[in-house]
């Protein structure tokens, strides 16, 4: 299936398109094995976000289910999102956004809304937080996180396990348990 002689893998196309496109279910980094993307929810009938995912028309997130969709697909790590309502995770699980293999580099505009009562459990993994990894030019702004509980093996935070992106007007309240390189935000 894989051989260095088949490179560059960027030319592989598993959907039969004439060019690499958004319908592909595989991606490959230079000199690495192919990695399966998560199937685009729109292609299998899962309701999609309101908006276009751009800075001018961000995807609007108003429910736990919509928020958890963000972290389910590496294709959205460079998209732009805005909260349309306060989101209470009580009784639900928060799916982390952006991790080691697909850092988040889009934007999340909290729109002066809050996310509350969530648990992030990365006790056997590094980079715990709402965002595992938030990379430049990624940003989070105008967001309040309350009643949060985050656990991470190392590099833990309630907002982000590791960030090189911008964080502006974000308030955090909760409990963090983590190994070295862990902090409150």
Protein backbone atom coordinates (compact mmCIF):
# COMPACT_ATOMS: atom_id res chain seq x y z
CA UNK A 1 0.00 0.00 0.00
CA UNK A 2 2.78 2.42 0.86
CA UNK A 3 6.22 2.73 -0.58
CA UNK A 4 8.69 5.59 -0.71
CA UNK A 5 8.78 4.97 -4.47
CA UNK A 6 5.11 6.11 -4.64
CA UNK A 7 5.89 9.60 -3.40
CA UNK A 8 4.85 12.31 -3.43
CA UNK A 9 1.81 11.06 -1.54
CA UNK A 10 0.13 14.44 -2.01
CA UNK A 11 -0.69 13.24 -5.53
CA UNK A 12 -2.71 10.26 -4.24
CA UNK A 13 -6.41 10.64 -4.82
CA UNK A 14 -8.79 8.12 -3.27
CA UNK A 15 -11.99 9.69 -4.59
CA UNK A 16 -11.31 9.53 -8.31
CA UNK A 17 -11.13 13.30 -8.66
CA UNK A 18 -8.84 14.93 -11.19
CA UNK A 19 -7.32 17.08 -8.43
CA UNK A 20 -6.99 16.75 -4.67
CA UNK A 21 -10.27 17.99 -3.22
CA UNK A 22 -12.39 18.31 -0.12
CA UNK A 23 -14.11 14.96 -0.69
CA UNK A 24 -10.92 12.96 -0.06
CA UNK A 25 -11.01 10.68 2.96
CA UNK A 26 -7.23 10.37 3.16
CA UNK A 27 -4.34 12.75 3.55
CA UNK A 28 -0.62 12.24 3.67
CA UNK A 29 2.18 14.40 4.97
CA UNK A 30 5.47 14.38 3.11
CA UNK A 31 7.37 11.14 3.82
CA UNK A 32 4.62 9.74 6.03
CA UNK A 33 1.91 7.10 5.83
CA UNK A 34 -1.58 8.04 4.60
CA UNK A 35 -3.93 9.09 7.40
CA UNK A 36 -7.71 8.74 7.22
CA UNK A 37 -9.67 11.96 7.60
CA UNK A 38 -13.01 11.73 9.32
CA UNK A 39 -15.81 11.59 6.77
CA UNK A 40 -17.41 14.95 6.11
CA UNK A 41 -20.69 14.86 8.11
CA UNK A 42 -22.54 16.62 5.29
CA UNK A 43 -21.77 13.67 2.99
CA UNK A 44 -23.56 11.20 5.28
CA UNK A 45 -26.55 13.35 6.20
CA UNK A 46 -25.40 14.74 9.56
CA UNK A 47 -26.73 18.30 10.06
CA UNK A 48 -24.09 20.87 9.27
CA UNK A 49 -23.27 24.25 10.80
CA UNK A 50 -24.85 27.57 9.91
CA UNK A 51 -22.26 29.79 8.21
CA UNK A 52 -19.38 29.24 5.79
CA UNK A 53 -16.43 28.83 8.18
CA UNK A 54 -14.76 32.04 7.01
CA UNK A 55 -13.75 35.07 9.09
CA UNK A 56 -16.67 37.04 7.61
CA UNK A 57 -19.17 34.18 7.94
CA UNK A 58 -17.97 31.84 10.72
CA UNK A 59 -19.76 28.61 11.52
CA UNK A 60 -22.24 29.35 14.34
CA UNK A 61 -22.10 26.89 17.25
CA UNK A 62 -25.07 26.80 19.63
CA UNK A 63 -25.27 23.26 21.05
CA UNK A 64 -23.05 20.60 22.61
CA UNK A 65 -23.51 18.41 19.50
CA UNK A 66 -22.38 21.23 17.20
CA UNK A 67 -19.39 22.03 19.39
CA UNK A 68 -18.33 18.38 19.47
CA UNK A 69 -18.48 18.16 15.67
CA UNK A 70 -15.58 20.64 15.44
CA UNK A 71 -13.11 18.23 17.02
CA UNK A 72 -14.38 15.28 14.98
CA UNK A 73 -12.89 16.39 11.67
CA UNK A 74 -9.31 17.56 11.05
CA UNK A 75 -10.53 19.47 7.99
CA UNK A 76 -12.10 22.07 10.31
CA UNK A 77 -8.92 22.91 12.24
CA UNK A 78 -8.36 25.99 10.07
CA UNK A 79 -12.01 27.10 10.01
CA UNK A 80 -13.61 29.97 11.90
CA UNK A 81 -16.35 29.51 14.52
CA UNK A 82 -18.55 31.72 16.68
CA UNK A 83 -20.71 30.74 19.65
CA UNK A 84 -24.37 31.56 19.07
CA UNK A 85 -25.48 30.64 22.60
CA UNK A 86 -24.14 29.67 26.01
CA UNK A 87 -23.30 25.95 25.98
CA UNK A 88 -23.81 23.83 29.12
CA UNK A 89 -22.07 20.45 28.93
CA UNK A 90 -23.74 19.03 32.09
CA UNK A 91 -24.37 15.34 31.45
CA UNK A 92 -22.46 15.48 28.15
CA UNK A 93 -18.90 14.90 27.06
CA UNK A 94 -16.74 17.63 25.55
CA UNK A 95 -14.77 16.51 22.51
CA UNK A 96 -11.40 18.23 22.47
CA UNK A 97 -10.50 20.41 19.48
CA UNK A 98 -7.08 20.16 17.88
CA UNK A 99 -4.43 17.75 18.98
CA UNK A 100 -0.98 16.49 18.16
CA UNK A 101 -1.84 15.35 14.61
CA UNK A 102 -4.17 18.21 13.73
CA UNK A 103 -3.65 21.43 15.76
CA UNK A 104 -6.37 24.07 15.66
CA UNK A 105 -5.28 27.18 13.74
CA UNK A 106 -8.67 28.76 13.02
CA UNK A 107 -10.61 31.11 15.28
CA UNK A 108 -13.22 30.66 17.98
CA UNK A 109 -15.10 33.86 18.74
CA UNK A 110 -16.87 33.25 22.04
CA UNK A 111 -19.19 36.14 21.19
CA UNK A 112 -19.31 37.01 24.94
CA UNK A 113 -20.91 33.60 25.61
CA UNK A 114 -19.89 30.86 28.04
CA UNK A 115 -19.16 27.16 28.08
CA UNK A 116 -19.80 25.46 31.41
CA UNK A 117 -19.81 22.15 33.29
CA UNK A 118 -17.39 20.33 31.05
CA UNK A 119 -14.74 17.70 31.69
CA UNK A 120 -11.60 17.18 29.61
CA UNK A 121 -9.89 13.94 30.58
CA UNK A 122 -6.51 13.42 28.93
CA UNK A 123 -4.98 11.66 31.95
CA UNK A 124 -3.08 9.24 29.71
CA UNK A 125 -2.37 11.75 26.94
CA UNK A 126 -0.49 15.03 26.62
CA UNK A 127 -2.07 18.34 25.60
CA UNK A 128 -5.30 18.39 27.60
CA UNK A 129 -7.76 21.27 27.38
CA UNK A 130 -10.70 22.46 25.31
CA UNK A 131 -8.01 22.88 22.66
CA UNK A 132 -5.26 20.27 22.77
CA UNK A 133 -3.07 22.46 20.57
CA UNK A 134 -3.93 26.00 19.44
CA UNK A 135 -1.39 27.17 16.88
CA UNK A 136 -0.66 30.53 15.29
CA UNK A 137 -2.53 32.09 13.50
CA UNK A 138 -5.30 30.47 15.59
CA UNK A 139 -7.16 32.54 18.15
CA UNK A 140 -9.80 32.39 20.86
CA UNK A 141 -11.54 35.51 22.13
CA UNK A 142 -14.47 36.80 24.18
CA UNK A 143 -15.17 33.48 25.92
CA UNK A 144 -15.94 32.45 29.50
CA UNK A 145 -15.23 28.90 30.70
CA UNK A 146 -16.82 27.98 34.04
CA UNK A 147 -17.15 24.91 36.24
CA UNK A 148 -14.47 23.18 34.17
CA UNK A 149 -12.42 20.14 35.11
CA UNK A 150 -9.35 19.25 33.05
CA UNK A 151 -6.88 16.41 33.53
CA UNK A 152 -3.79 15.90 31.43
CA UNK A 153 -0.71 13.75 31.60
CA UNK A 154 1.52 16.72 30.63
CA UNK A 155 0.97 20.07 28.91
CA UNK A 156 -2.46 20.56 30.42
CA UNK A 157 -4.71 23.59 30.66
CA UNK A 158 -8.41 24.26 30.90
CA UNK A 159 -8.45 26.32 27.70
CA UNK A 160 -5.45 24.81 25.90
CA UNK A 161 -2.75 22.24 26.51
CA UNK A 162 -0.33 24.16 24.31
CA UNK A 163 -0.75 27.39 22.39
CA UNK A 164 1.22 29.66 20.11
CA UNK A 165 -2.01 31.37 19.02
CA UNK A 166 -3.76 34.47 20.38
CA UNK A 167 -5.97 34.36 23.46
CA UNK A 168 -7.91 37.56 24.12
CA UNK A 169 -10.58 38.29 26.76
CA UNK A 170 -10.95 34.66 27.93
CA UNK A 171 -11.97 33.94 31.53
CA UNK A 172 -11.38 30.51 33.04
CA UNK A 173 -12.70 29.00 36.29
CA UNK A 174 -12.31 25.38 37.24
CA UNK A 175 -9.94 22.65 38.36
CA UNK A 176 -6.83 21.41 36.59
CA UNK A 177 -4.83 18.29 37.40
CA UNK A 178 -1.76 17.76 35.26
CA UNK A 179 1.85 16.82 35.04
CA UNK A 180 4.70 19.10 34.14
CA UNK A 181 4.09 22.08 31.87
CA UNK A 182 0.48 22.40 33.04
CA UNK A 183 -1.17 25.70 33.86
CA UNK A 184 -4.56 27.25 34.60
CA UNK A 185 -5.35 28.75 31.23
